[in-house]
Amino acid sequence: MEYPMNKAELIDAISTATDLPKATAARALEAFTASVTTALQQGDDVSLVGFGTFTVKARAAREGRNPQTGAALQIAAAKLPGFKPGKGLKDAVN
């Protein structure tokens, strides 16, 4: 079983691919994630042609059950981040 790439490994990969120091690659990754987060908080989508689109999806309120007692409970509506892969990413994976 392979383990997922973690943040440190991603920074190493960016550093190697771009010949940037690891500290610069780490700042670039932090800036990217902060920018995407801010855009999603503002209700904007982030589209990277060929890679994919980050969006915010609305999940409606619903009734759930406590698995221990079986009692009904209300689960509040929520906004969730989503990602739809682009054609380039789909083709690269398949």
PDB file of N, CA and C in Angstrom:
ATOM      1  N   MET A   1       0.831  -1.171   0.000  1.00  0.00           N
ATOM      2  CA  MET A   1       0.000   0.000   0.000  1.00  0.00           C
ATOM      3  C   MET A   1       0.883   1.245   0.000  1.00  0.00           C
ATOM      4  N   GLU A   2       0.611   2.156  -0.909  1.00  0.00           N
ATOM      5  CA  GLU A   2       1.351   3.408  -0.938  1.00  0.00           C
ATOM      6  C   GLU A   2       0.663   4.436  -0.074  1.00  0.00           C
ATOM      7  N   TYR A   3       1.455   5.286   0.526  1.00  0.00           N
ATOM      8  CA  TYR A   3       0.915   6.354   1.349  1.00  0.00           C
ATOM      9  C   TYR A   3       0.756   7.611   0.512  1.00  0.00           C
ATOM     10  N   PRO A   4      -0.215   8.469   0.849  1.00  0.00           N
ATOM     11  CA  PRO A   4      -0.396   9.701   0.087  1.00  0.00           C
ATOM     12  C   PRO A   4       0.783  10.646   0.299  1.00  0.00           C
ATOM     13  N   MET A   5       1.037  11.463  -0.708  1.00  0.00           N
ATOM     14  CA  MET A   5       2.097  12.453  -0.603  1.00  0.00           C
ATOM     15  C   MET A   5       1.704  13.469   0.464  1.00  0.00           C
ATOM     16  N   ASN A   6       2.623  13.761   1.378  1.00  0.00           N
ATOM     17  CA  ASN A   6       2.321  14.758   2.406  1.00  0.00           C
ATOM     18  C   ASN A   6       2.875  16.121   1.976  1.00  0.00           C
ATOM     19  N   LYS A   7       2.644  17.116   2.806  1.00  0.00           N
ATOM     20  CA  LYS A   7       3.024  18.481   2.456  1.00  0.00           C
ATOM     21  C   LYS A   7       4.535  18.615   2.259  1.00  0.00           C
ATOM     22  N   ALA A   8       5.325  18.016   3.130  1.00  0.00           N
ATOM     23  CA  ALA A   8       6.783  18.103   3.022  1.00  0.00           C
ATOM     24  C   ALA A   8       7.270  17.468   1.715  1.00  0.00           C
ATOM     25  N   GLU A   9       6.681  16.346   1.338  1.00  0.00           N
ATOM     26  CA  GLU A   9       7.067  15.688   0.082  1.00  0.00           C
ATOM     27  C   GLU A   9       6.662  16.528  -1.125  1.00  0.00           C
ATOM     28  N   LEU A  10       5.502  17.196  -1.047  1.00  0.00           N
ATOM     29  CA  LEU A  10       5.073  18.070  -2.128  1.00  0.00           C
ATOM     30  C   LEU A  10       6.024  19.259  -2.258  1.00  0.00           C
ATOM     31  N   ILE A  11       6.436  19.830  -1.145  1.00  0.00           N
ATOM     32  CA  ILE A  11       7.406  20.931  -1.177  1.00  0.00           C
ATOM     33  C   ILE A  11       8.721  20.462  -1.793  1.00  0.00           C
ATOM     34  N   ASP A  12       9.182  19.265  -1.429  1.00  0.00           N
ATOM     35  CA  ASP A  12      10.394  18.703  -2.037  1.00  0.00           C
ATOM     36  C   ASP A  12      10.242  18.560  -3.544  1.00  0.00           C
ATOM     37  N   ALA A  13       9.078  18.072  -3.996  1.00  0.00           N
ATOM     38  CA  ALA A  13       8.839  17.878  -5.428  1.00  0.00           C
ATOM     39  C   ALA A  13       8.830  19.215  -6.159  1.00  0.00           C
ATOM     40  N   ILE A  14       8.191  20.229  -5.580  1.00  0.00           N
ATOM     41  CA  ILE A  14       8.163  21.553  -6.196  1.00  0.00           C
ATOM     42  C   ILE A  14       9.567  22.130  -6.260  1.00  0.00           C
ATOM     43  N   SER A  15      10.311  21.988  -5.181  1.00  0.00           N
ATOM     44  CA  SER A  15      11.677  22.494  -5.119  1.00  0.00           C
ATOM     45  C   SER A  15      12.553  21.847  -6.180  1.00  0.00           C
ATOM     46  N   THR A  16      12.439  20.555  -6.332  1.00  0.00           N
ATOM     47  CA  THR A  16      13.232  19.819  -7.320  1.00  0.00           C
ATOM     48  C   THR A  16      12.841  20.199  -8.748  1.00  0.00           C
ATOM     49  N   ALA A  17      11.553  20.302  -9.014  1.00  0.00           N
ATOM     50  CA  ALA A  17      11.070  20.600 -10.367  1.00  0.00           C
ATOM     51  C   ALA A  17      11.393  22.022 -10.811  1.00  0.00           C
ATOM     52  N   THR A  18      11.500  22.943  -9.859  1.00  0.00           N
ATOM     53  CA  THR A  18      11.689  24.357 -10.220  1.00  0.00           C
ATOM     54  C   THR A  18      13.071  24.895  -9.889  1.00  0.00           C
ATOM     55  N   ASP A  19      13.920  24.078  -9.291  1.00  0.00           N
ATOM     56  CA  ASP A  19      15.251  24.518  -8.839  1.00  0.00           C
ATOM     57  C   ASP A  19      15.162  25.684  -7.855  1.00  0.00           C
ATOM     58  N   LEU A  20      14.092  25.714  -7.073  1.00  0.00           N
ATOM     59  CA  LEU A  20      13.929  26.725  -6.033  1.00  0.00           C
ATOM     60  C   LEU A  20      14.341  26.129  -4.693  1.00  0.00           C
ATOM     61  N   PRO A  21      14.825  26.977  -3.789  1.00  0.00           N
ATOM     62  CA  PRO A  21      15.090  26.464  -2.429  1.00  0.00           C
ATOM     63  C   PRO A  21      13.785  25.982  -1.791  1.00  0.00           C
ATOM     64  N   LYS A  22      13.905  25.039  -0.865  1.00  0.00           N
ATOM     65  CA  LYS A  22      12.706  24.482  -0.217  1.00  0.00           C
ATOM     66  C   LYS A  22      11.891  25.558   0.485  1.00  0.00           C
ATOM     67  N   ALA A  23      12.543  26.547   1.080  1.00  0.00           N
ATOM     68  CA  ALA A  23      11.815  27.606   1.783  1.00  0.00           C
ATOM     69  C   ALA A  23      10.962  28.406   0.800  1.00  0.00           C
ATOM     70  N   THR A  24      11.483  28.672  -0.378  1.00  0.00           N
ATOM     71  CA  THR A  24      10.728  29.405  -1.398  1.00  0.00           C
ATOM     72  C   THR A  24       9.579  28.558  -1.919  1.00  0.00           C
ATOM     73  N   ALA A  25       9.824  27.276  -2.137  1.00  0.00           N
ATOM     74  CA  ALA A  25       8.767  26.373  -2.585  1.00  0.00           C
ATOM     75  C   ALA A  25       7.666  26.277  -1.530  1.00  0.00           C
ATOM     76  N   ALA A  26       8.050  26.262  -0.262  1.00  0.00           N
ATOM     77  CA  ALA A  26       7.061  26.199   0.816  1.00  0.00           C
ATOM     78  C   ALA A  26       6.211  27.468   0.830  1.00  0.00           C
ATOM     79  N   ARG A  27       6.842  28.636   0.649  1.00  0.00           N
ATOM     80  CA  ARG A  27       6.081  29.889   0.609  1.00  0.00           C
ATOM     81  C   ARG A  27       5.144  29.913  -0.591  1.00  0.00           C
ATOM     82  N   ALA A  28       5.598  29.404  -1.734  1.00  0.00           N
ATOM     83  CA  ALA A  28       4.754  29.362  -2.929  1.00  0.00           C
ATOM     84  C   ALA A  28       3.538  28.463  -2.698  1.00  0.00           C
ATOM     85  N   LEU A  29       3.747  27.312  -2.089  1.00  0.00           N
ATOM     86  CA  LEU A  29       2.634  26.398  -1.799  1.00  0.00           C
ATOM     87  C   LEU A  29       1.663  27.036  -0.811  1.00  0.00           C
ATOM     88  N   GLU A  30       2.177  27.680   0.228  1.00  0.00           N
ATOM     89  CA  GLU A  30       1.325  28.368   1.208  1.00  0.00           C
ATOM     90  C   GLU A  30       0.515  29.475   0.530  1.00  0.00           C
ATOM     91  N   ALA A  31       1.151  30.234  -0.371  1.00  0.00           N
ATOM     92  CA  ALA A  31       0.456  31.312  -1.080  1.00  0.00           C
ATOM     93  C   ALA A  31      -0.644  30.740  -1.965  1.00  0.00           C
ATOM     94  N   PHE A  32      -0.370  29.623  -2.626  1.00  0.00           N
ATOM     95  CA  PHE A  32      -1.374  28.983  -3.479  1.00  0.00           C
ATOM     96  C   PHE A  32      -2.582  28.543  -2.654  1.00  0.00           C
ATOM     97  N   THR A  33      -2.338  27.818  -1.564  1.00  0.00           N
ATOM     98  CA  THR A  33      -3.456  27.314  -0.762  1.00  0.00           C
ATOM     99  C   THR A  33      -4.228  28.464  -0.113  1.00  0.00           C
ATOM    100  N   ALA A  34      -3.535  29.507   0.323  1.00  0.00           N
ATOM    101  CA  ALA A  34      -4.215  30.658   0.918  1.00  0.00           C
ATOM    102  C   ALA A  34      -5.062  31.377  -0.126  1.00  0.00           C
ATOM    103  N   SER A  35      -4.556  31.504  -1.339  1.00  0.00           N
ATOM    104  CA  SER A  35      -5.295  32.183  -2.402  1.00  0.00           C
ATOM    105  C   SER A  35      -6.550  31.410  -2.787  1.00  0.00           C
ATOM    106  N   VAL A  36      -6.437  30.105  -2.905  1.00  0.00           N
ATOM    107  CA  VAL A  36      -7.598  29.274  -3.228  1.00  0.00           C
ATOM    108  C   VAL A  36      -8.625  29.347  -2.096  1.00  0.00           C
ATOM    109  N   THR A  37      -8.153  29.264  -0.857  1.00  0.00           N
ATOM    110  CA  THR A  37      -9.052  29.332   0.296  1.00  0.00           C
ATOM    111  C   THR A  37      -9.800  30.657   0.325  1.00  0.00           C
ATOM    112  N   THR A  38      -9.094  31.757   0.125  1.00  0.00           N
ATOM    113  CA  THR A  38      -9.716  33.081   0.134  1.00  0.00           C
ATOM    114  C   THR A  38     -10.760  33.202  -0.968  1.00  0.00           C
ATOM    115  N   ALA A  39     -10.432  32.732  -2.161  1.00  0.00           N
ATOM    116  CA  ALA A  39     -11.375  32.798  -3.281  1.00  0.00           C
ATOM    117  C   ALA A  39     -12.635  31.998  -2.974  1.00  0.00           C
ATOM    118  N   LEU A  40     -12.480  30.810  -2.408  1.00  0.00           N
ATOM    119  CA  LEU A  40     -13.639  29.974  -2.080  1.00  0.00           C
ATOM    120  C   LEU A  40     -14.471  30.612  -0.965  1.00  0.00           C
ATOM    121  N   GLN A  41     -13.821  31.237   0.013  1.00  0.00           N
ATOM    122  CA  GLN A  41     -14.543  31.916   1.086  1.00  0.00           C
ATOM    123  C   GLN A  41     -15.397  33.043   0.531  1.00  0.00           C
ATOM    124  N   GLN A  42     -14.923  33.686  -0.540  1.00  0.00           N
ATOM    125  CA  GLN A  42     -15.646  34.794  -1.164  1.00  0.00           C
ATOM    126  C   GLN A  42     -16.702  34.307  -2.154  1.00  0.00           C
ATOM    127  N   GLY A  43     -16.814  32.997  -2.308  1.00  0.00           N
ATOM    128  CA  GLY A  43     -17.819  32.429  -3.194  1.00  0.00           C
ATOM    129  C   GLY A  43     -17.371  32.291  -4.638  1.00  0.00           C
ATOM    130  N   ASP A  44     -16.089  32.523  -4.903  1.00  0.00           N
ATOM    131  CA  ASP A  44     -15.554  32.400  -6.261  1.00  0.00           C
ATOM    132  C   ASP A  44     -15.059  30.987  -6.516  1.00  0.00           C
ATOM    133  N   ASP A  45     -15.094  30.571  -7.777  1.00  0.00           N
ATOM    134  CA  ASP A  45     -14.470  29.327  -8.196  1.00  0.00           C
ATOM    135  C   ASP A  45     -13.039  29.623  -8.618  1.00  0.00           C
ATOM    136  N   VAL A  46     -12.173  28.634  -8.539  1.00  0.00           N
ATOM    137  CA  VAL A  46     -10.795  28.768  -9.004  1.00  0.00           C
ATOM    138  C   VAL A  46     -10.603  27.713 -10.080  1.00  0.00           C
ATOM    139  N   SER A  47     -10.401  28.170 -11.317  1.00  0.00           N
ATOM    140  CA  SER A  47     -10.277  27.263 -12.448  1.00  0.00           C
ATOM    141  C   SER A  47      -8.858  27.288 -12.987  1.00  0.00           C
ATOM    142  N   LEU A  48      -8.222  26.125 -13.015  1.00  0.00           N
ATOM    143  CA  LEU A  48      -6.891  25.962 -13.590  1.00  0.00           C
ATOM    144  C   LEU A  48      -7.053  25.077 -14.823  1.00  0.00           C
ATOM    145  N   VAL A  49      -7.017  25.708 -15.989  1.00  0.00           N
ATOM    146  CA  VAL A  49      -7.291  25.000 -17.244  1.00  0.00           C
ATOM    147  C   VAL A  49      -6.363  23.794 -17.375  1.00  0.00           C
ATOM    148  N   GLY A  50      -6.960  22.647 -17.660  1.00  0.00           N
ATOM    149  CA  GLY A  50      -6.211  21.411 -17.818  1.00  0.00           C
ATOM    150  C   GLY A  50      -6.004  20.658 -16.519  1.00  0.00           C
ATOM    151  N   PHE A  51      -6.122  21.349 -15.383  1.00  0.00           N
ATOM    152  CA  PHE A  51      -5.928  20.702 -14.084  1.00  0.00           C
ATOM    153  C   PHE A  51      -7.263  20.439 -13.411  1.00  0.00           C
ATOM    154  N   GLY A  52      -8.068  21.507 -13.229  1.00  0.00           N
ATOM    155  CA  GLY A  52      -9.370  21.316 -12.612  1.00  0.00           C
ATOM    156  C   GLY A  52      -9.907  22.597 -12.029  1.00  0.00           C
ATOM    157  N   THR A  53     -11.073  22.479 -11.380  1.00  0.00           N
ATOM    158  CA  THR A  53     -11.754  23.630 -10.816  1.00  0.00           C
ATOM    159  C   THR A  53     -12.114  23.362  -9.358  1.00  0.00           C
ATOM    160  N   PHE A  54     -11.730  24.292  -8.489  1.00  0.00           N
ATOM    161  CA  PHE A  54     -12.115  24.261  -7.089  1.00  0.00           C
ATOM    162  C   PHE A  54     -13.407  25.051  -6.958  1.00  0.00           C
ATOM    163  N   THR A  55     -14.403  24.497  -6.282  1.00  0.00           N
ATOM    164  CA  THR A  55     -15.697  25.150  -6.125  1.00  0.00           C
ATOM    165  C   THR A  55     -16.185  25.007  -4.686  1.00  0.00           C
ATOM    166  N   VAL A  56     -17.245  25.739  -4.373  1.00  0.00           N
ATOM    167  CA  VAL A  56     -17.925  25.583  -3.095  1.00  0.00           C
ATOM    168  C   VAL A  56     -19.282  24.963  -3.398  1.00  0.00           C
ATOM    169  N   LYS A  57     -19.587  23.879  -2.719  1.00  0.00           N
ATOM    170  CA  LYS A  57     -20.863  23.194  -2.900  1.00  0.00           C
ATOM    171  C   LYS A  57     -21.695  23.367  -1.639  1.00  0.00           C
ATOM    172  N   ALA A  58     -22.993  23.560  -1.814  1.00  0.00           N
ATOM    173  CA  ALA A  58     -23.901  23.688  -0.670  1.00  0.00           C
ATOM    174  C   ALA A  58     -24.496  22.323  -0.352  1.00  0.00           C
ATOM    175  N   ARG A  59     -24.474  21.981   0.929  1.00  0.00           N
ATOM    176  CA  ARG A  59     -25.105  20.741   1.380  1.00  0.00           C
ATOM    177  C   ARG A  59     -26.300  21.136   2.236  1.00  0.00           C
ATOM    178  N   ALA A  60     -27.451  20.653   1.900  1.00  0.00           N
ATOM    179  CA  ALA A  60     -28.688  21.014   2.590  1.00  0.00           C
ATOM    180  C   ALA A  60     -28.727  20.420   3.996  1.00  0.00           C
ATOM    181  N   ALA A  61     -29.518  21.036   4.854  1.00  0.00           N
ATOM    182  CA  ALA A  61     -29.752  20.482   6.187  1.00  0.00           C
ATOM    183  C   ALA A  61     -30.486  19.153   6.021  1.00  0.00           C
ATOM    184  N   ARG A  62     -30.248  18.257   6.938  1.00  0.00           N
ATOM    185  CA  ARG A  62     -30.888  16.951   6.832  1.00  0.00           C
ATOM    186  C   ARG A  62     -31.015  16.326   8.213  1.00  0.00           C
ATOM    187  N   GLU A  63     -31.787  15.269   8.280  1.00  0.00           N
ATOM    188  CA  GLU A  63     -31.945  14.547   9.541  1.00  0.00           C
ATOM    189  C   GLU A  63     -31.000  13.361   9.549  1.00  0.00           C
ATOM    190  N   GLY A  64     -30.295  13.179  10.652  1.00  0.00           N
ATOM    191  CA  GLY A  64     -29.389  12.053  10.803  1.00  0.00           C
ATOM    192  C   GLY A  64     -29.763  11.244  12.027  1.00  0.00           C
ATOM    193  N   ARG A  65     -28.972  10.249  12.327  1.00  0.00           N
ATOM    194  CA  ARG A  65     -29.225   9.384  13.495  1.00  0.00           C
ATOM    195  C   ARG A  65     -27.929   9.236  14.291  1.00  0.00           C
ATOM    196  N   ASN A  66     -28.064   9.263  15.607  1.00  0.00           N
ATOM    197  CA  ASN A  66     -26.939   8.977  16.476  1.00  0.00           C
ATOM    198  C   ASN A  66     -26.684   7.470  16.380  1.00  0.00           C
ATOM    199  N   PRO A  67     -25.499   7.053  15.943  1.00  0.00           N
ATOM    200  CA  PRO A  67     -25.268   5.611  15.753  1.00  0.00           C
ATOM    201  C   PRO A  67     -25.304   4.803  17.052  1.00  0.00           C
ATOM    202  N   GLN A  68     -25.054   5.439  18.195  1.00  0.00           N
ATOM    203  CA  GLN A  68     -25.072   4.703  19.466  1.00  0.00           C
ATOM    204  C   GLN A  68     -26.484   4.516  20.001  1.00  0.00           C
ATOM    205  N   THR A  69     -27.306   5.568  19.884  1.00  0.00           N
ATOM    206  CA  THR A  69     -28.643   5.498  20.491  1.00  0.00           C
ATOM    207  C   THR A  69     -29.760   5.348  19.460  1.00  0.00           C
ATOM    208  N   GLY A  70     -29.480   5.689  18.215  1.00  0.00           N
ATOM    209  CA  GLY A  70     -30.510   5.640  17.195  1.00  0.00           C
ATOM    210  C   GLY A  70     -31.420   6.855  17.209  1.00  0.00           C
ATOM    211  N   ALA A  71     -31.152   7.802  18.117  1.00  0.00           N
ATOM    212  CA  ALA A  71     -31.987   8.996  18.224  1.00  0.00           C
ATOM    213  C   ALA A  71     -31.803   9.892  17.006  1.00  0.00           C
ATOM    214  N   ALA A  72     -32.906  10.496  16.550  1.00  0.00           N
ATOM    215  CA  ALA A  72     -32.854  11.409  15.409  1.00  0.00           C
ATOM    216  C   ALA A  72     -32.210  12.719  15.828  1.00  0.00           C
ATOM    217  N   LEU A  73     -31.464  13.332  14.918  1.00  0.00           N
ATOM    218  CA  LEU A  73     -30.876  14.636  15.172  1.00  0.00           C
ATOM    219  C   LEU A  73     -30.790  15.416  13.874  1.00  0.00           C
ATOM    220  N   GLN A  74     -30.794  16.731  13.988  1.00  0.00           N
ATOM    221  CA  GLN A  74     -30.715  17.593  12.815  1.00  0.00           C
ATOM    222  C   GLN A  74     -29.260  17.906  12.507  1.00  0.00           C
ATOM    223  N   ILE A  75     -28.876  17.739  11.258  1.00  0.00           N
ATOM    224  CA  ILE A  75     -27.539  18.100  10.790  1.00  0.00           C
ATOM    225  C   ILE A  75     -27.707  19.398  10.004  1.00  0.00           C
ATOM    226  N   ALA A  76     -26.989  20.419  10.405  1.00  0.00           N
ATOM    227  CA  ALA A  76     -27.124  21.752   9.807  1.00  0.00           C
ATOM    228  C   ALA A  76     -26.626  21.769   8.367  1.00  0.00           C
ATOM    229  N   ALA A  77     -27.149  22.712   7.600  1.00  0.00           N
ATOM    230  CA  ALA A  77     -26.662  22.926   6.244  1.00  0.00           C
ATOM    231  C   ALA A  77     -25.201  23.374   6.321  1.00  0.00           C
ATOM    232  N   ALA A  78     -24.439  23.098   5.287  1.00  0.00           N
ATOM    233  CA  ALA A  78     -23.021  23.454   5.290  1.00  0.00           C
ATOM    234  C   ALA A  78     -22.547  23.731   3.868  1.00  0.00           C
ATOM    235  N   LYS A  79     -21.467  24.488   3.778  1.00  0.00           N
ATOM    236  CA  LYS A  79     -20.785  24.693   2.501  1.00  0.00           C
ATOM    237  C   LYS A  79     -19.529  23.844   2.531  1.00  0.00           C
ATOM    238  N   LEU A  80     -19.291  23.133   1.445  1.00  0.00           N
ATOM    239  CA  LEU A  80     -18.141  22.251   1.377  1.00  0.00           C
ATOM    240  C   LEU A  80     -17.294  22.587   0.156  1.00  0.00           C
ATOM    241  N   PRO A  81     -15.964  22.538   0.291  1.00  0.00           N
ATOM    242  CA  PRO A  81     -15.125  22.726  -0.885  1.00  0.00           C
ATOM    243  C   PRO A  81     -15.192  21.479  -1.754  1.00  0.00           C
ATOM    244  N   GLY A  82     -15.127  21.698  -3.051  1.00  0.00           N
ATOM    245  CA  GLY A  82     -15.148  20.577  -3.987  1.00  0.00           C
ATOM    246  C   GLY A  82     -14.102  20.784  -5.062  1.00  0.00           C
ATOM    247  N   PHE A  83     -13.769  19.724  -5.749  1.00  0.00           N
ATOM    248  CA  PHE A  83     -12.795  19.794  -6.834  1.00  0.00           C
ATOM    249  C   PHE A  83     -13.286  18.938  -7.974  1.00  0.00           C
ATOM    250  N   LYS A  84     -13.311  19.509  -9.169  1.00  0.00           N
ATOM    251  CA  LYS A  84     -13.670  18.761 -10.367  1.00  0.00           C
ATOM    252  C   LYS A  84     -12.439  18.722 -11.257  1.00  0.00           C
ATOM    253  N   PRO A  85     -11.873  17.537 -11.494  1.00  0.00           N
ATOM    254  CA  PRO A  85     -10.662  17.458 -12.302  1.00  0.00           C
ATOM    255  C   PRO A  85     -10.927  17.842 -13.760  1.00  0.00           C
ATOM    256  N   GLY A  86      -9.925  18.482 -14.358  1.00  0.00           N
ATOM    257  CA  GLY A  86      -9.994  18.846 -15.761  1.00  0.00           C
ATOM    258  C   GLY A  86      -9.552  17.696 -16.650  1.00  0.00           C
ATOM    259  N   LYS A  87      -9.726  17.863 -17.948  1.00  0.00           N
ATOM    260  CA  LYS A  87      -9.402  16.814 -18.915  1.00  0.00           C
ATOM    261  C   LYS A  87      -7.931  16.417 -18.843  1.00  0.00           C
ATOM    262  N   GLY A  88      -7.052  17.398 -18.727  1.00  0.00           N
ATOM    263  CA  GLY A  88      -5.614  17.104 -18.670  1.00  0.00           C
ATOM    264  C   GLY A  88      -5.251  16.223 -17.500  1.00  0.00           C
ATOM    265  N   LEU A  89      -5.823  16.510 -16.333  1.00  0.00           N
ATOM    266  CA  LEU A  89      -5.550  15.705 -15.155  1.00  0.00           C
ATOM    267  C   LEU A  89      -6.148  14.307 -15.291  1.00  0.00           C
ATOM    268  N   LYS A  90      -7.378  14.234 -15.808  1.00  0.00           N
ATOM    269  CA  LYS A  90      -8.026  12.930 -16.010  1.00  0.00           C
ATOM    270  C   LYS A  90      -7.195  12.066 -16.960  1.00  0.00           C
ATOM    271  N   ASP A  91      -6.754  12.684 -18.060  1.00  0.00           N
ATOM    272  CA  ASP A  91      -5.946  11.926 -19.032  1.00  0.00           C
ATOM    273  C   ASP A  91      -4.619  11.470 -18.437  1.00  0.00           C
ATOM    274  N   ALA A  92      -3.995  12.320 -17.621  1.00  0.00           N
ATOM    275  CA  ALA A  92      -2.705  11.968 -17.015  1.00  0.00           C
ATOM    276  C   ALA A  92      -2.842  10.808 -16.044  1.00  0.00           C
ATOM    277  N   VAL A  93      -3.978  10.731 -15.335  1.00  0.00           N
ATOM    278  CA  VAL A  93      -4.186   9.672 -14.347  1.00  0.00           C
ATOM    279  C   VAL A  93      -4.537   8.354 -15.027  1.00  0.00           C
ATOM    280  N   ASN A  94      -5.271   8.426 -16.127  1.00  0.00           N
ATOM    281  CA  ASN A  94      -5.704   7.206 -16.807  1.00  0.00           C
ATOM    282  C   ASN A  94      -4.728   6.806 -17.816  1.00  0.00           C
TER     283      ASN A  94
END
